Amino acid sequence: MGVIKDRHGTYCATVPEKPKGLQAAVARELNNGKAAQKHLKRSLGTKDLREANIRAKPVLAEFDRIIAKAKARLAAAIMPTIKRTSLNDTEIKRMAEYVYAKALAWDERVRFGGRDEMERLEAEHLRLEGTPLGPWAVPYEQWPQRGVPRSVFEDIIAG
């Protein structure tokens, strides 16, 4: 990459030729209708070397950005997404812990919340799903204010 003088004495910013695969990606990035873009070259509009070096910096930075985007596009096209077919022991253990903790949290929520908590759960389900929960084995309207009815508790212990 650098500054060169063309045949008329005007300075241009240029990037050397890139590999074939990258040439096609650069052409797609520039969206110029070409199948491949070998060189990146832009006139700096001056015949003074000092002025050309000053003007070249943003142009070369833009060329770098174009090449980086082309490389990223090429890498994204080459890298297939890997689909996993199995889980390791740690992942299985974490999933089991999550399911167990969620069940315990729900049970604890209902036990300590009692009738009020069941009303909240049904209202939340009705709001989200549009259909009421139930019918319940023991209608929660008959539940005590706090805790779980004795019959439900005994069913849990026996079951």
N, C-alpha and C. Protein backbone atom coordinates (compact mmCIF):
# COMPACT_ATOMS: atom_id res chain seq x y z
N MET A 1 0.86 -1.17 0.00
CA MET A 1 0.00 0.00 0.00
C MET A 1 0.90 1.22 0.00
N GLY A 2 0.46 2.20 -0.71
CA GLY A 2 1.27 3.39 -0.72
C GLY A 2 0.82 4.38 -1.77
N VAL A 3 1.73 5.31 -2.02
CA VAL A 3 1.49 6.39 -2.96
C VAL A 3 2.41 6.17 -4.16
N ILE A 4 1.83 6.20 -5.36
CA ILE A 4 2.64 6.09 -6.58
C ILE A 4 2.28 7.23 -7.52
N LYS A 5 3.17 7.49 -8.48
CA LYS A 5 2.93 8.53 -9.47
C LYS A 5 2.47 7.86 -10.76
N ASP A 6 1.37 8.35 -11.34
CA ASP A 6 0.92 7.78 -12.61
C ASP A 6 1.68 8.40 -13.77
N ARG A 7 1.33 8.04 -15.01
CA ARG A 7 2.10 8.50 -16.17
C ARG A 7 1.97 9.99 -16.44
N HIS A 8 0.97 10.64 -15.83
CA HIS A 8 0.78 12.08 -16.02
C HIS A 8 1.43 12.89 -14.89
N GLY A 9 2.02 12.21 -13.91
CA GLY A 9 2.67 12.89 -12.80
C GLY A 9 1.77 13.13 -11.60
N THR A 10 0.53 12.66 -11.66
CA THR A 10 -0.41 12.81 -10.55
C THR A 10 -0.23 11.61 -9.62
N TYR A 11 -0.28 11.87 -8.31
CA TYR A 11 -0.10 10.79 -7.34
C TYR A 11 -1.42 10.06 -7.09
N CYS A 12 -1.29 8.75 -6.87
CA CYS A 12 -2.45 7.89 -6.59
C CYS A 12 -2.16 7.04 -5.36
N ALA A 13 -3.20 6.76 -4.61
CA ALA A 13 -3.09 5.79 -3.51
C ALA A 13 -3.46 4.44 -4.08
N THR A 14 -2.65 3.43 -3.77
CA THR A 14 -2.90 2.11 -4.34
C THR A 14 -2.63 1.01 -3.33
N VAL A 15 -3.29 -0.13 -3.58
CA VAL A 15 -3.09 -1.33 -2.77
C VAL A 15 -2.66 -2.42 -3.74
N PRO A 16 -1.64 -3.22 -3.41
CA PRO A 16 -1.19 -4.26 -4.33
C PRO A 16 -2.25 -5.33 -4.57
N GLU A 17 -2.01 -6.15 -5.59
CA GLU A 17 -2.94 -7.21 -5.98
C GLU A 17 -3.15 -8.19 -4.84
N LYS A 18 -4.39 -8.62 -4.67
CA LYS A 18 -4.77 -9.55 -3.60
C LYS A 18 -4.99 -10.94 -4.18
N PRO A 19 -5.05 -11.98 -3.33
CA PRO A 19 -5.33 -13.34 -3.82
C PRO A 19 -6.70 -13.41 -4.51
N LYS A 20 -6.87 -14.41 -5.37
CA LYS A 20 -8.08 -14.53 -6.20
C LYS A 20 -9.38 -14.53 -5.39
N GLY A 21 -9.43 -15.31 -4.33
CA GLY A 21 -10.65 -15.37 -3.52
C GLY A 21 -10.98 -14.03 -2.90
N LEU A 22 -9.96 -13.33 -2.46
CA LEU A 22 -10.17 -12.02 -1.85
C LEU A 22 -10.55 -10.99 -2.91
N GLN A 23 -10.08 -11.15 -4.13
CA GLN A 23 -10.43 -10.22 -5.21
C GLN A 23 -11.94 -10.23 -5.44
N ALA A 24 -12.53 -11.40 -5.44
CA ALA A 24 -13.98 -11.51 -5.65
C ALA A 24 -14.73 -10.89 -4.48
N ALA A 25 -14.24 -11.12 -3.26
CA ALA A 25 -14.91 -10.55 -2.08
C ALA A 25 -14.80 -9.03 -2.07
N VAL A 26 -13.65 -8.49 -2.49
CA VAL A 26 -13.48 -7.03 -2.56
C VAL A 26 -14.43 -6.45 -3.61
N ALA A 27 -14.57 -7.13 -4.74
CA ALA A 27 -15.50 -6.65 -5.78
C ALA A 27 -16.93 -6.63 -5.26
N ARG A 28 -17.32 -7.67 -4.51
CA ARG A 28 -18.67 -7.68 -3.93
C ARG A 28 -18.83 -6.55 -2.91
N GLU A 29 -17.76 -6.28 -2.16
CA GLU A 29 -17.82 -5.21 -1.15
C GLU A 29 -17.95 -3.84 -1.82
N LEU A 30 -17.25 -3.64 -2.93
CA LEU A 30 -17.33 -2.36 -3.65
C LEU A 30 -18.63 -2.24 -4.43
N ASN A 31 -19.26 -3.38 -4.73
CA ASN A 31 -20.52 -3.41 -5.47
C ASN A 31 -20.40 -2.66 -6.80
N ASN A 32 -19.31 -2.95 -7.54
CA ASN A 32 -19.07 -2.24 -8.79
C ASN A 32 -19.45 -3.06 -10.02
N GLY A 33 -20.07 -4.21 -9.84
CA GLY A 33 -20.52 -5.01 -10.96
C GLY A 33 -19.47 -5.92 -11.55
N LYS A 34 -18.25 -5.83 -11.07
CA LYS A 34 -17.18 -6.69 -11.58
C LYS A 34 -17.17 -8.01 -10.82
N ALA A 35 -16.63 -9.04 -11.48
CA ALA A 35 -16.51 -10.34 -10.82
C ALA A 35 -15.35 -10.34 -9.83
N ALA A 36 -14.29 -9.59 -10.16
CA ALA A 36 -13.11 -9.52 -9.28
C ALA A 36 -12.49 -8.14 -9.38
N GLN A 37 -11.87 -7.70 -8.30
CA GLN A 37 -11.20 -6.40 -8.25
C GLN A 37 -9.76 -6.66 -7.83
N LYS A 38 -8.82 -6.60 -8.81
CA LYS A 38 -7.42 -6.92 -8.52
C LYS A 38 -6.75 -5.85 -7.68
N HIS A 39 -6.89 -4.59 -8.10
CA HIS A 39 -6.20 -3.49 -7.43
C HIS A 39 -7.22 -2.50 -6.87
N LEU A 40 -6.83 -1.84 -5.83
CA LEU A 40 -7.59 -0.69 -5.33
C LEU A 40 -6.70 0.52 -5.60
N LYS A 41 -7.22 1.48 -6.34
CA LYS A 41 -6.41 2.63 -6.73
C LYS A 41 -7.31 3.85 -6.81
N ARG A 42 -6.84 4.97 -6.26
CA ARG A 42 -7.61 6.20 -6.32
C ARG A 42 -6.66 7.38 -6.49
N SER A 43 -7.03 8.28 -7.37
CA SER A 43 -6.22 9.47 -7.61
C SER A 43 -6.31 10.40 -6.40
N LEU A 44 -5.18 10.99 -6.07
CA LEU A 44 -5.14 11.93 -4.95
C LEU A 44 -5.27 13.37 -5.44
N GLY A 45 -5.25 13.58 -6.74
CA GLY A 45 -5.50 14.90 -7.32
C GLY A 45 -4.42 15.92 -7.07
N THR A 46 -3.17 15.49 -6.92
CA THR A 46 -2.08 16.44 -6.71
C THR A 46 -0.80 15.90 -7.33
N LYS A 47 0.11 16.82 -7.67
CA LYS A 47 1.41 16.44 -8.21
C LYS A 47 2.51 16.68 -7.18
N ASP A 48 2.13 17.16 -6.01
CA ASP A 48 3.08 17.42 -4.93
C ASP A 48 3.13 16.19 -4.00
N LEU A 49 4.33 15.65 -3.77
CA LEU A 49 4.48 14.44 -2.96
C LEU A 49 4.03 14.65 -1.52
N ARG A 50 4.40 15.80 -0.94
CA ARG A 50 4.03 16.08 0.45
C ARG A 50 2.51 16.12 0.60
N GLU A 51 1.84 16.82 -0.30
CA GLU A 51 0.37 16.90 -0.27
C GLU A 51 -0.25 15.53 -0.53
N ALA A 52 0.36 14.75 -1.42
CA ALA A 52 -0.15 13.41 -1.73
C ALA A 52 -0.09 12.50 -0.51
N ASN A 53 1.00 12.58 0.25
CA ASN A 53 1.11 11.75 1.46
C ASN A 53 0.05 12.13 2.49
N ILE A 54 -0.27 13.40 2.58
CA ILE A 54 -1.31 13.85 3.52
C ILE A 54 -2.68 13.35 3.07
N ARG A 55 -2.95 13.48 1.76
CA ARG A 55 -4.25 13.06 1.23
C ARG A 55 -4.41 11.54 1.20
N ALA A 56 -3.31 10.82 1.19
CA ALA A 56 -3.36 9.36 1.06
C ALA A 56 -3.86 8.67 2.33
N LYS A 57 -3.63 9.27 3.49
CA LYS A 57 -3.97 8.59 4.75
C LYS A 57 -5.44 8.18 4.84
N PRO A 58 -6.40 9.08 4.63
CA PRO A 58 -7.80 8.63 4.73
C PRO A 58 -8.20 7.65 3.62
N VAL A 59 -7.60 7.81 2.43
CA VAL A 59 -7.91 6.90 1.32
C VAL A 59 -7.41 5.50 1.63
N LEU A 60 -6.18 5.40 2.14
CA LEU A 60 -5.62 4.10 2.49
C LEU A 60 -6.38 3.47 3.66
N ALA A 61 -6.85 4.30 4.59
CA ALA A 61 -7.66 3.78 5.70
C ALA A 61 -8.98 3.20 5.17
N GLU A 62 -9.56 3.86 4.17
CA GLU A 62 -10.78 3.34 3.56
C GLU A 62 -10.51 2.03 2.84
N PHE A 63 -9.37 1.94 2.15
CA PHE A 63 -8.99 0.69 1.49
C PHE A 63 -8.84 -0.43 2.52
N ASP A 64 -8.22 -0.11 3.65
CA ASP A 64 -8.07 -1.10 4.73
C ASP A 64 -9.44 -1.58 5.22
N ARG A 65 -10.36 -0.64 5.37
CA ARG A 65 -11.71 -0.99 5.82
C ARG A 65 -12.40 -1.90 4.81
N ILE A 66 -12.27 -1.59 3.53
CA ILE A 66 -12.89 -2.41 2.47
C ILE A 66 -12.31 -3.82 2.49
N ILE A 67 -10.99 -3.92 2.61
CA ILE A 67 -10.34 -5.24 2.62
C ILE A 67 -10.74 -6.03 3.86
N ALA A 68 -10.81 -5.35 5.01
CA ALA A 68 -11.21 -6.04 6.24
C ALA A 68 -12.64 -6.56 6.14
N LYS A 69 -13.55 -5.75 5.57
CA LYS A 69 -14.93 -6.21 5.39
C LYS A 69 -14.99 -7.39 4.43
N ALA A 70 -14.18 -7.33 3.37
CA ALA A 70 -14.16 -8.44 2.41
C ALA A 70 -13.64 -9.71 3.06
N LYS A 71 -12.60 -9.60 3.89
CA LYS A 71 -12.07 -10.77 4.60
C LYS A 71 -13.11 -11.33 5.56
N ALA A 72 -13.83 -10.44 6.25
CA ALA A 72 -14.87 -10.90 7.18
C ALA A 72 -16.00 -11.60 6.43
N ARG A 73 -16.39 -11.05 5.29
CA ARG A 73 -17.44 -11.67 4.48
C ARG A 73 -16.99 -13.04 3.99
N LEU A 74 -15.73 -13.13 3.59
CA LEU A 74 -15.17 -14.39 3.11
C LEU A 74 -15.11 -15.42 4.24
N ALA A 75 -14.69 -14.97 5.43
CA ALA A 75 -14.61 -15.88 6.58
C ALA A 75 -16.00 -16.36 6.99
N ALA A 76 -16.99 -15.48 6.94
CA ALA A 76 -18.35 -15.87 7.31
C ALA A 76 -18.92 -16.89 6.32
N ALA A 77 -18.55 -16.75 5.05
CA ALA A 77 -19.05 -17.68 4.04
C ALA A 77 -18.37 -19.03 4.15
N ILE A 78 -17.12 -19.05 4.56
CA ILE A 78 -16.35 -20.30 4.64
C ILE A 78 -16.69 -21.08 5.89
N MET A 79 -16.85 -20.40 7.02
CA MET A 79 -17.06 -21.06 8.30
C MET A 79 -18.49 -21.58 8.41
N PRO A 80 -18.70 -22.89 8.35
CA PRO A 80 -20.05 -23.42 8.54
C PRO A 80 -20.40 -23.42 10.03
N THR A 81 -21.67 -23.31 10.31
CA THR A 81 -22.09 -23.39 11.70
C THR A 81 -22.08 -24.85 12.12
N ILE A 82 -21.51 -25.12 13.24
CA ILE A 82 -21.38 -26.48 13.73
C ILE A 82 -22.57 -26.78 14.63
N LYS A 83 -23.31 -27.82 14.27
CA LYS A 83 -24.45 -28.23 15.09
C LYS A 83 -23.99 -29.36 15.99
N ARG A 84 -24.25 -29.19 17.26
CA ARG A 84 -23.84 -30.20 18.23
C ARG A 84 -24.87 -31.31 18.29
N THR A 85 -24.39 -32.52 18.46
CA THR A 85 -25.29 -33.66 18.53
C THR A 85 -25.31 -34.29 19.91
N SER A 86 -24.46 -33.80 20.81
CA SER A 86 -24.42 -34.38 22.15
C SER A 86 -24.10 -33.30 23.18
N LEU A 87 -24.36 -33.64 24.42
CA LEU A 87 -24.06 -32.75 25.54
C LEU A 87 -23.01 -33.40 26.41
N ASN A 88 -22.19 -32.57 27.05
CA ASN A 88 -21.22 -33.16 27.97
C ASN A 88 -21.86 -33.32 29.35
N ASP A 89 -21.16 -33.98 30.25
CA ASP A 89 -21.72 -34.29 31.58
C ASP A 89 -22.08 -33.04 32.36
N THR A 90 -21.25 -32.01 32.28
CA THR A 90 -21.50 -30.77 33.02
C THR A 90 -22.79 -30.12 32.54
N GLU A 91 -23.02 -30.07 31.23
CA GLU A 91 -24.23 -29.46 30.71
C GLU A 91 -25.48 -30.25 31.13
N ILE A 92 -25.39 -31.55 31.10
CA ILE A 92 -26.52 -32.39 31.53
C ILE A 92 -26.82 -32.14 33.01
N LYS A 93 -25.76 -32.07 33.81
CA LYS A 93 -25.93 -31.84 35.25
C LYS A 93 -26.57 -30.47 35.50
N ARG A 94 -26.12 -29.44 34.79
CA ARG A 94 -26.69 -28.11 34.97
C ARG A 94 -28.15 -28.06 34.56
N MET A 95 -28.50 -28.73 33.48
CA MET A 95 -29.90 -28.77 33.05
C MET A 95 -30.77 -29.46 34.09
N ALA A 96 -30.28 -30.56 34.63
CA ALA A 96 -31.04 -31.28 35.66
C ALA A 96 -31.20 -30.42 36.90
N GLU A 97 -30.14 -29.72 37.30
CA GLU A 97 -30.23 -28.83 38.45
C GLU A 97 -31.24 -27.72 38.22
N TYR A 98 -31.27 -27.19 36.99
CA TYR A 98 -32.21 -26.12 36.67
C TYR A 98 -33.66 -26.62 36.79
N VAL A 99 -33.94 -27.78 36.21
CA VAL A 99 -35.30 -28.33 36.26
C VAL A 99 -35.70 -28.59 37.71
N TYR A 100 -34.80 -29.17 38.49
CA TYR A 100 -35.08 -29.48 39.89
C TYR A 100 -35.31 -28.19 40.68
N ALA A 101 -34.46 -27.19 40.48
CA ALA A 101 -34.60 -25.92 41.21
C ALA A 101 -35.90 -25.21 40.83
N LYS A 102 -36.27 -25.28 39.56
CA LYS A 102 -37.51 -24.63 39.13
C LYS A 102 -38.72 -25.31 39.77
N ALA A 103 -38.71 -26.64 39.83
CA ALA A 103 -39.82 -27.36 40.46
C ALA A 103 -39.90 -27.03 41.94
N LEU A 104 -38.75 -26.99 42.62
CA LEU A 104 -38.74 -26.64 44.04
C LEU A 104 -39.21 -25.21 44.27
N ALA A 105 -38.80 -24.30 43.41
CA ALA A 105 -39.20 -22.90 43.56
C ALA A 105 -40.71 -22.76 43.39
N TRP A 106 -41.28 -23.46 42.41
CA TRP A 106 -42.72 -23.40 42.21
C TRP A 106 -43.45 -23.98 43.42
N ASP A 107 -42.98 -25.11 43.92
CA ASP A 107 -43.60 -25.75 45.07
C ASP A 107 -43.54 -24.84 46.29
N GLU A 108 -42.38 -24.25 46.50
CA GLU A 108 -42.22 -23.35 47.65
C GLU A 108 -43.10 -22.11 47.50
N ARG A 109 -43.20 -21.61 46.30
CA ARG A 109 -44.02 -20.43 46.03
C ARG A 109 -45.48 -20.71 46.38
N VAL A 110 -45.97 -21.89 45.98
CA VAL A 110 -47.36 -22.24 46.26
C VAL A 110 -47.56 -22.52 47.74
N ARG A 111 -46.62 -23.22 48.37
CA ARG A 111 -46.78 -23.56 49.79
C ARG A 111 -46.82 -22.32 50.66
N PHE A 112 -45.92 -21.38 50.41
CA PHE A 112 -45.88 -20.19 51.25
C PHE A 112 -46.91 -19.15 50.84
N GLY A 113 -47.29 -19.15 49.57
CA GLY A 113 -48.24 -18.16 49.09
C GLY A 113 -49.68 -18.53 49.32
N GLY A 114 -49.98 -19.84 49.32
CA GLY A 114 -51.34 -20.30 49.56
C GLY A 114 -52.31 -19.85 48.48
N ARG A 115 -53.51 -19.50 48.91
CA ARG A 115 -54.59 -19.14 47.99
C ARG A 115 -54.22 -17.92 47.14
N ASP A 116 -53.58 -16.94 47.75
CA ASP A 116 -53.21 -15.73 47.01
C ASP A 116 -52.26 -16.06 45.86
N GLU A 117 -51.33 -16.94 46.13
CA GLU A 117 -50.36 -17.30 45.09
C GLU A 117 -51.03 -18.06 43.96
N MET A 118 -51.97 -18.93 44.28
CA MET A 118 -52.69 -19.67 43.23
C MET A 118 -53.51 -18.71 42.38
N GLU A 119 -54.12 -17.71 43.01
CA GLU A 119 -54.87 -16.71 42.26
C GLU A 119 -53.95 -15.94 41.32
N ARG A 120 -52.75 -15.58 41.83
CA ARG A 120 -51.78 -14.87 40.99
C ARG A 120 -51.33 -15.74 39.81
N LEU A 121 -51.06 -17.03 40.09
CA LEU A 121 -50.64 -17.94 39.02
C LEU A 121 -51.71 -18.07 37.94
N GLU A 122 -52.97 -18.22 38.38
CA GLU A 122 -54.04 -18.36 37.40
C GLU A 122 -54.24 -17.07 36.61
N ALA A 123 -54.16 -15.92 37.27
CA ALA A 123 -54.31 -14.64 36.58
C ALA A 123 -53.18 -14.45 35.56
N GLU A 124 -51.97 -14.82 35.94
CA GLU A 124 -50.82 -14.70 35.03
C GLU A 124 -51.00 -15.62 33.83
N HIS A 125 -51.44 -16.85 34.07
CA HIS A 125 -51.65 -17.80 32.98
C HIS A 125 -52.77 -17.31 32.05
N LEU A 126 -53.84 -16.78 32.63
CA LEU A 126 -54.95 -16.26 31.84
C LEU A 126 -54.49 -15.09 30.98
N ARG A 127 -53.65 -14.22 31.55
CA ARG A 127 -53.14 -13.07 30.81
C ARG A 127 -52.23 -13.50 29.66
N LEU A 128 -51.36 -14.49 29.90
CA LEU A 128 -50.40 -14.92 28.88
C LEU A 128 -51.00 -15.86 27.85
N GLU A 129 -51.80 -16.81 28.30
CA GLU A 129 -52.30 -17.85 27.40
C GLU A 129 -53.73 -17.61 26.92
N GLY A 130 -54.51 -16.86 27.68
CA GLY A 130 -55.88 -16.59 27.30
C GLY A 130 -56.88 -17.65 27.74
N THR A 131 -56.38 -18.73 28.36
CA THR A 131 -57.27 -19.78 28.86
C THR A 131 -57.00 -19.98 30.34
N PRO A 132 -58.03 -20.27 31.11
CA PRO A 132 -57.80 -20.47 32.55
C PRO A 132 -57.13 -21.81 32.83
N LEU A 133 -56.40 -21.86 33.91
CA LEU A 133 -55.82 -23.12 34.38
C LEU A 133 -56.92 -23.94 35.03
N GLY A 134 -56.65 -25.19 35.24
CA GLY A 134 -57.60 -25.98 36.02
C GLY A 134 -58.26 -27.03 35.16
N PRO A 135 -59.24 -27.71 35.61
CA PRO A 135 -59.79 -27.62 36.97
C PRO A 135 -58.82 -28.20 37.98
N TRP A 136 -58.82 -27.61 39.16
CA TRP A 136 -57.91 -28.03 40.21
C TRP A 136 -58.50 -29.21 40.97
N ALA A 137 -57.61 -30.05 41.52
CA ALA A 137 -58.06 -31.19 42.34
C ALA A 137 -58.80 -30.65 43.56
N VAL A 138 -58.24 -29.63 44.17
CA VAL A 138 -58.89 -28.93 45.27
C VAL A 138 -58.99 -27.48 44.83
N PRO A 139 -60.20 -26.97 44.60
CA PRO A 139 -60.31 -25.58 44.14
C PRO A 139 -59.59 -24.64 45.11
N TYR A 140 -58.76 -23.75 44.55
CA TYR A 140 -57.95 -22.91 45.42
C TYR A 140 -58.79 -21.91 46.21
N GLU A 141 -60.05 -21.72 45.80
CA GLU A 141 -60.91 -20.84 46.59
C GLU A 141 -61.14 -21.42 47.99
N GLN A 142 -61.02 -22.75 48.12
CA GLN A 142 -61.22 -23.41 49.41
C GLN A 142 -59.90 -23.58 50.16
N TRP A 143 -58.83 -23.14 49.59
CA TRP A 143 -57.52 -23.27 50.24
C TRP A 143 -57.44 -22.30 51.41
N PRO A 144 -56.62 -22.61 52.39
CA PRO A 144 -56.40 -21.65 53.48
C PRO A 144 -55.66 -20.42 52.95
N GLN A 145 -55.70 -19.35 53.73
CA GLN A 145 -55.05 -18.11 53.32
C GLN A 145 -53.56 -18.32 53.07
N ARG A 146 -52.90 -19.09 53.92
CA ARG A 146 -51.47 -19.38 53.76
C ARG A 146 -51.28 -20.88 53.74
N GLY A 147 -50.35 -21.35 52.92
CA GLY A 147 -50.02 -22.77 52.91
C GLY A 147 -50.88 -23.58 51.96
N VAL A 148 -50.79 -24.89 52.12
CA VAL A 148 -51.46 -25.84 51.24
C VAL A 148 -52.48 -26.61 52.07
N PRO A 149 -53.65 -26.96 51.47
CA PRO A 149 -54.63 -27.76 52.23
C PRO A 149 -54.04 -29.10 52.65
N ARG A 150 -54.51 -29.60 53.76
CA ARG A 150 -53.98 -30.85 54.31
C ARG A 150 -54.12 -32.00 53.32
N SER A 151 -55.24 -32.07 52.59
CA SER A 151 -55.44 -33.17 51.64
C SER A 151 -54.39 -33.13 50.51
N VAL A 152 -54.07 -31.95 50.04
CA VAL A 152 -53.05 -31.82 49.00
C VAL A 152 -51.69 -32.19 49.57
N PHE A 153 -51.42 -31.76 50.79
CA PHE A 153 -50.15 -32.07 51.44
C PHE A 153 -50.01 -33.58 51.62
N GLU A 154 -51.07 -34.25 52.06
CA GLU A 154 -51.02 -35.70 52.26
C GLU A 154 -50.85 -36.44 50.93
N ASP A 155 -51.48 -35.92 49.87
CA ASP A 155 -51.29 -36.53 48.54
C ASP A 155 -49.84 -36.40 48.08
N ILE A 156 -49.24 -35.26 48.38
CA ILE A 156 -47.84 -35.04 48.00
C ILE A 156 -46.94 -36.01 48.76
N ILE A 157 -47.19 -36.16 50.06
CA ILE A 157 -46.37 -37.04 50.89
C ILE A 157 -46.55 -38.49 50.44
N ALA A 158 -47.80 -38.89 50.16
CA ALA A 158 -48.07 -40.28 49.79
C ALA A 158 -47.56 -40.59 48.37
N GLY A 159 -47.58 -39.60 47.50
CA GLY A 159 -47.30 -39.83 46.09
C GLY A 159 -45.90 -39.91 45.74
